[in-house]
Amino acid sequence: MSFHMQYLTDQKGNKNAVLLALKDWEKIQRDLKDYEKLKDKRTFFKGLTDSFNEVELILQGKKKPNSFDDLLNEL
């Protein structure tokens, strides 16, 4: 999607601001919120995958389980 933008310049012609239609700005804000949700989901699922991998290593005897105190400290 392309946005219609207008640039505001200072007296020397340097761009220092952008003017967008309100609907374009609202679209950008929605997209940013969607991106943040996606990023949070990816972080959650990565942590979940890491946890399952750690449990598998513990069950195989390749890793010692953390103590309950260690678990609480991670939170």
N, C-alpha and C. Protein backbone atom coordinates (compact mmCIF):
# COMPACT_ATOMS: atom_id res chain seq x y z
N MET A 1 0.84 -1.18 0.00
CA MET A 1 0.00 0.00 0.00
C MET A 1 0.88 1.23 0.00
N SER A 2 0.55 2.17 -0.82
CA SER A 2 1.32 3.41 -0.83
C SER A 2 0.49 4.51 -0.19
N PHE A 3 1.19 5.39 0.45
CA PHE A 3 0.54 6.50 1.14
C PHE A 3 0.86 7.79 0.40
N HIS A 4 -0.11 8.67 0.40
CA HIS A 4 0.13 10.00 -0.14
C HIS A 4 0.71 10.84 0.99
N MET A 5 1.96 11.26 0.81
CA MET A 5 2.63 12.03 1.85
C MET A 5 3.02 13.40 1.32
N GLN A 6 2.95 14.35 2.21
CA GLN A 6 3.47 15.68 1.91
C GLN A 6 4.55 15.98 2.94
N TYR A 7 5.64 16.54 2.46
CA TYR A 7 6.74 16.87 3.36
C TYR A 7 6.71 18.35 3.69
N LEU A 8 6.96 18.64 4.94
CA LEU A 8 7.13 20.02 5.37
C LEU A 8 8.62 20.28 5.48
N THR A 9 9.03 21.43 5.02
CA THR A 9 10.45 21.75 5.01
C THR A 9 10.72 23.03 5.80
N ASP A 10 11.97 23.15 6.21
CA ASP A 10 12.36 24.38 6.88
C ASP A 10 12.73 25.42 5.82
N GLN A 11 13.25 26.53 6.26
CA GLN A 11 13.56 27.63 5.34
C GLN A 11 14.66 27.28 4.36
N LYS A 12 15.49 26.28 4.71
CA LYS A 12 16.57 25.86 3.82
C LYS A 12 16.16 24.73 2.89
N GLY A 13 14.91 24.28 3.00
CA GLY A 13 14.44 23.20 2.15
C GLY A 13 14.66 21.81 2.71
N ASN A 14 15.13 21.72 3.94
CA ASN A 14 15.34 20.41 4.57
C ASN A 14 14.01 19.87 5.07
N LYS A 15 13.73 18.61 4.73
CA LYS A 15 12.49 17.99 5.21
C LYS A 15 12.57 17.82 6.72
N ASN A 16 11.50 18.20 7.41
CA ASN A 16 11.51 18.05 8.87
C ASN A 16 10.19 17.51 9.42
N ALA A 17 9.22 17.23 8.55
CA ALA A 17 7.96 16.65 9.01
C ALA A 17 7.25 16.02 7.81
N VAL A 18 6.31 15.14 8.12
CA VAL A 18 5.52 14.48 7.09
C VAL A 18 4.05 14.69 7.41
N LEU A 19 3.28 14.96 6.41
CA LEU A 19 1.85 15.12 6.55
C LEU A 19 1.17 13.95 5.84
N LEU A 20 0.36 13.21 6.59
CA LEU A 20 -0.35 12.05 6.05
C LEU A 20 -1.85 12.26 6.23
N ALA A 21 -2.63 11.64 5.36
CA ALA A 21 -4.07 11.62 5.58
C ALA A 21 -4.34 10.83 6.86
N LEU A 22 -5.36 11.19 7.58
CA LEU A 22 -5.67 10.54 8.84
C LEU A 22 -5.92 9.04 8.63
N LYS A 23 -6.60 8.67 7.57
CA LYS A 23 -6.86 7.24 7.32
C LYS A 23 -5.55 6.47 7.11
N ASP A 24 -4.56 7.10 6.48
CA ASP A 24 -3.25 6.46 6.30
C ASP A 24 -2.55 6.29 7.64
N TRP A 25 -2.61 7.32 8.48
CA TRP A 25 -1.99 7.25 9.80
C TRP A 25 -2.65 6.16 10.64
N GLU A 26 -3.96 6.08 10.59
CA GLU A 26 -4.67 5.05 11.35
C GLU A 26 -4.30 3.65 10.85
N LYS A 27 -4.12 3.50 9.56
CA LYS A 27 -3.70 2.21 8.98
C LYS A 27 -2.30 1.84 9.50
N ILE A 28 -1.41 2.79 9.52
CA ILE A 28 -0.06 2.54 10.05
C ILE A 28 -0.13 2.11 11.51
N GLN A 29 -0.96 2.78 12.29
CA GLN A 29 -1.09 2.43 13.71
C GLN A 29 -1.65 1.02 13.89
N ARG A 30 -2.65 0.64 13.09
CA ARG A 30 -3.21 -0.72 13.16
C ARG A 30 -2.15 -1.75 12.78
N ASP A 31 -1.40 -1.46 11.74
CA ASP A 31 -0.34 -2.37 11.30
C ASP A 31 0.72 -2.55 12.39
N LEU A 32 1.07 -1.47 13.06
CA LEU A 32 2.05 -1.57 14.14
C LEU A 32 1.54 -2.42 15.29
N LYS A 33 0.26 -2.26 15.63
CA LYS A 33 -0.32 -3.07 16.70
C LYS A 33 -0.33 -4.55 16.29
N ASP A 34 -0.69 -4.82 15.04
CA ASP A 34 -0.69 -6.20 14.56
C ASP A 34 0.72 -6.78 14.60
N TYR A 35 1.70 -5.99 14.23
CA TYR A 35 3.10 -6.43 14.27
C TYR A 35 3.51 -6.77 15.70
N GLU A 36 3.14 -5.92 16.66
CA GLU A 36 3.50 -6.17 18.06
C GLU A 36 2.86 -7.46 18.56
N LYS A 37 1.60 -7.69 18.19
CA LYS A 37 0.93 -8.93 18.59
C LYS A 37 1.65 -10.14 18.00
N LEU A 38 2.03 -10.04 16.74
CA LEU A 38 2.73 -11.14 16.09
C LEU A 38 4.08 -11.39 16.75
N LYS A 39 4.78 -10.31 17.07
CA LYS A 39 6.07 -10.44 17.73
C LYS A 39 5.91 -11.11 19.09
N ASP A 40 4.87 -10.73 19.84
CA ASP A 40 4.62 -11.34 21.15
C ASP A 40 4.30 -12.83 21.00
N LYS A 41 3.52 -13.18 19.98
CA LYS A 41 3.19 -14.59 19.75
C LYS A 41 4.44 -15.39 19.40
N ARG A 42 5.29 -14.82 18.56
CA ARG A 42 6.52 -15.52 18.20
C ARG A 42 7.40 -15.74 19.42
N THR A 43 7.50 -14.74 20.27
CA THR A 43 8.30 -14.86 21.49
C THR A 43 7.72 -15.93 22.40
N PHE A 44 6.39 -15.95 22.54
CA PHE A 44 5.73 -16.96 23.37
C PHE A 44 6.02 -18.36 22.84
N PHE A 45 5.81 -18.57 21.54
CA PHE A 45 6.00 -19.90 20.98
C PHE A 45 7.47 -20.33 20.98
N LYS A 46 8.38 -19.39 20.86
CA LYS A 46 9.81 -19.72 20.96
C LYS A 46 10.11 -20.21 22.37
N GLY A 47 9.59 -19.51 23.37
CA GLY A 47 9.79 -19.93 24.76
C GLY A 47 9.18 -21.29 25.03
N LEU A 48 8.00 -21.52 24.47
CA LEU A 48 7.33 -22.80 24.65
C LEU A 48 8.14 -23.94 24.00
N THR A 49 8.64 -23.68 22.80
CA THR A 49 9.46 -24.68 22.10
C THR A 49 10.74 -24.97 22.90
N ASP A 50 11.37 -23.91 23.40
CA ASP A 50 12.58 -24.10 24.21
C ASP A 50 12.28 -24.93 25.45
N SER A 51 11.12 -24.69 26.06
CA SER A 51 10.73 -25.44 27.26
C SER A 51 10.55 -26.92 26.95
N PHE A 52 9.85 -27.21 25.85
CA PHE A 52 9.67 -28.62 25.46
C PHE A 52 11.00 -29.29 25.17
N ASN A 53 11.91 -28.58 24.53
CA ASN A 53 13.24 -29.13 24.25
C ASN A 53 13.99 -29.41 25.54
N GLU A 54 13.86 -28.50 26.51
CA GLU A 54 14.54 -28.69 27.79
C GLU A 54 13.96 -29.90 28.54
N VAL A 55 12.65 -30.06 28.50
CA VAL A 55 12.02 -31.23 29.14
C VAL A 55 12.52 -32.52 28.49
N GLU A 56 12.63 -32.52 27.19
CA GLU A 56 13.13 -33.70 26.47
C GLU A 56 14.55 -34.04 26.92
N LEU A 57 15.40 -33.03 27.06
CA LEU A 57 16.77 -33.27 27.54
C LEU A 57 16.78 -33.82 28.96
N ILE A 58 15.88 -33.31 29.79
CA ILE A 58 15.80 -33.80 31.18
C ILE A 58 15.36 -35.26 31.18
N LEU A 59 14.35 -35.59 30.37
CA LEU A 59 13.86 -36.98 30.31
C LEU A 59 14.92 -37.93 29.77
N GLN A 60 15.79 -37.44 28.91
CA GLN A 60 16.88 -38.26 28.37
C GLN A 60 18.07 -38.35 29.31
N GLY A 61 18.00 -37.60 30.42
CA GLY A 61 19.10 -37.60 31.38
C GLY A 61 20.28 -36.75 30.96
N LYS A 62 20.10 -35.90 29.96
CA LYS A 62 21.18 -35.06 29.45
C LYS A 62 21.24 -33.70 30.13
N LYS A 63 20.24 -33.42 30.95
CA LYS A 63 20.21 -32.14 31.66
C LYS A 63 19.56 -32.37 33.02
N LYS A 64 20.10 -31.66 33.99
CA LYS A 64 19.54 -31.74 35.34
C LYS A 64 18.38 -30.75 35.45
N PRO A 65 17.27 -31.16 36.04
CA PRO A 65 16.15 -30.22 36.17
C PRO A 65 16.50 -29.09 37.14
N ASN A 66 15.91 -27.93 36.90
CA ASN A 66 16.09 -26.80 37.80
C ASN A 66 15.32 -27.04 39.09
N SER A 67 15.80 -26.44 40.16
CA SER A 67 15.06 -26.53 41.42
C SER A 67 13.84 -25.61 41.35
N PHE A 68 12.95 -25.81 42.28
CA PHE A 68 11.75 -24.96 42.34
C PHE A 68 12.14 -23.50 42.56
N ASP A 69 13.14 -23.27 43.40
CA ASP A 69 13.61 -21.90 43.66
C ASP A 69 14.15 -21.26 42.37
N ASP A 70 14.89 -22.04 41.59
CA ASP A 70 15.39 -21.52 40.30
C ASP A 70 14.24 -21.14 39.38
N LEU A 71 13.21 -22.00 39.35
CA LEU A 71 12.05 -21.72 38.53
C LEU A 71 11.38 -20.41 38.94
N LEU A 72 11.21 -20.23 40.24
CA LEU A 72 10.60 -18.98 40.72
C LEU A 72 11.45 -17.77 40.41
N ASN A 73 12.76 -17.93 40.48
CA ASN A 73 13.66 -16.81 40.18
C ASN A 73 13.61 -16.40 38.72
N GLU A 74 13.30 -17.36 37.83
CA GLU A 74 13.18 -17.04 36.42
C GLU A 74 11.95 -16.19 36.11
N LEU A 75 10.93 -16.33 36.95
CA LEU A 75 9.70 -15.56 36.73
C LEU A 75 9.94 -14.14 37.12
